[in-house]
Amino acid sequence: MTLTAKLSGSKVVLTWTAYDGADFAYYKVVRSSYKVASWPLGSGDSLLAAISNQSTLTYTDCAPPARPGRTRSSPSGPPVAAMSSSTPRTS
């Protein structure tokens, strides 16, 4: 899977390539205050979406946090993004 993040005005638009495994459960979109998001969620992480449709390949964050020293309407630099697909756990 590959992931891209682009600014569109004050929004962040994420797009990714489809997971092609037969064991797909959902895509998790996680916002993190760190460069790498963790799962299960860490102290600086929040779950934005769990997308169960395997053919959905985009997510728009309409309220991304402003970078320090910037307003929400003028975020600075490219967003940091991480993506994973999940499979259900079995006992």
Protein backbone atom coordinates (compact mmCIF):
# COMPACT_ATOMS: atom_id res chain seq x y z
CA MET A 1 0.00 0.00 0.00
CA THR A 2 1.08 3.54 -0.68
CA LEU A 3 -0.32 6.65 0.93
CA THR A 4 -0.28 10.29 -0.09
CA ALA A 5 -1.44 13.31 1.87
CA LYS A 6 -2.13 16.67 0.25
CA LEU A 7 -3.36 19.98 1.53
CA SER A 8 -6.53 21.27 -0.09
CA GLY A 9 -7.19 24.69 1.40
CA SER A 10 -7.47 24.01 5.13
CA LYS A 11 -8.26 20.29 4.64
CA VAL A 12 -5.95 17.29 4.34
CA VAL A 13 -6.89 14.77 1.66
CA LEU A 14 -5.50 11.25 2.07
CA THR A 15 -5.44 8.79 -0.82
CA TRP A 16 -4.01 5.29 -0.88
CA THR A 17 -3.73 2.20 -3.00
CA ALA A 18 -6.04 -0.69 -2.19
CA TYR A 19 -5.05 -3.54 0.08
CA ASP A 20 -5.39 -6.63 -2.10
CA GLY A 21 -5.45 -9.38 0.51
CA ALA A 22 -8.47 -11.62 1.00
CA ASP A 23 -8.38 -11.03 4.77
CA PHE A 24 -9.29 -7.31 4.65
CA ALA A 25 -11.33 -5.98 7.59
CA TYR A 26 -10.95 -2.19 7.43
CA TYR A 27 -8.61 0.73 6.83
CA LYS A 28 -7.77 2.73 9.97
CA VAL A 29 -7.13 6.45 9.59
CA VAL A 30 -5.21 7.68 12.64
CA ARG A 31 -4.08 11.22 13.45
CA SER A 32 -0.94 11.39 15.54
CA SER A 33 1.01 14.16 17.17
CA TYR A 34 4.11 12.05 16.42
CA LYS A 35 5.75 11.19 13.09
CA VAL A 36 4.56 7.59 13.39
CA ALA A 37 1.08 6.60 14.55
CA SER A 38 0.69 3.50 16.66
CA TRP A 39 -1.96 0.83 16.95
CA PRO A 40 -3.42 0.26 19.43
CA LEU A 41 -3.67 4.01 19.81
CA GLY A 42 -0.88 5.71 21.73
CA SER A 43 -1.13 8.80 23.90
CA GLY A 44 -0.73 11.20 20.94
CA ASP A 45 -2.99 9.27 18.54
CA SER A 46 -6.69 9.49 17.70
CA LEU A 47 -8.78 7.32 15.39
CA LEU A 48 -10.39 9.44 12.68
CA ALA A 49 -12.09 6.66 10.72
CA ALA A 50 -12.40 2.90 10.33
CA ILE A 51 -13.35 2.30 6.72
CA SER A 52 -14.81 -1.15 6.02
CA ASN A 53 -15.28 -0.70 2.26
CA GLN A 54 -12.11 -2.03 0.65
CA SER A 55 -12.70 0.04 -2.50
CA THR A 56 -12.79 3.35 -0.57
CA LEU A 57 -9.37 4.86 -1.25
CA THR A 58 -9.69 8.41 0.05
CA TYR A 59 -10.41 10.25 3.28
CA THR A 60 -10.66 14.01 3.83
CA ASP A 61 -9.79 15.45 7.22
CA CYS A 62 -11.91 18.60 7.33
CA ALA A 63 -10.50 19.83 10.65
CA PRO A 64 -6.78 19.04 10.83
CA PRO A 65 -4.94 20.67 13.71
CA ALA A 66 -2.97 23.79 12.85
CA ARG A 67 0.80 23.47 13.00
CA PRO A 68 2.46 25.49 15.80
CA GLY A 69 2.69 29.15 14.86
CA ARG A 70 0.09 28.77 12.09
CA THR A 71 -3.64 29.30 11.89
CA ARG A 72 -6.00 26.57 10.78
CA SER A 73 -6.47 28.40 7.47
CA SER A 74 -2.75 28.42 6.70
CA PRO A 75 -1.17 25.09 7.68
CA SER A 76 2.51 24.76 6.93
CA GLY A 77 4.30 22.03 5.04
CA PRO A 78 3.09 18.62 3.95
CA PRO A 79 1.01 16.62 6.40
CA VAL A 80 2.48 13.53 7.98
CA ALA A 81 0.45 10.39 7.28
CA ALA A 82 0.51 6.70 8.07
CA MET A 83 -1.88 4.01 6.92
CA SER A 84 -2.56 0.38 7.63
CA SER A 85 -5.19 -2.16 6.81
CA SER A 86 -6.38 -4.49 9.51
CA THR A 87 -7.42 -8.05 9.64
CA PRO A 88 -9.63 -9.41 12.42
CA ARG A 89 -7.82 -11.09 15.27
CA THR A 90 -8.56 -14.71 15.92
CA SER A 91 -8.27 -16.32 19.34
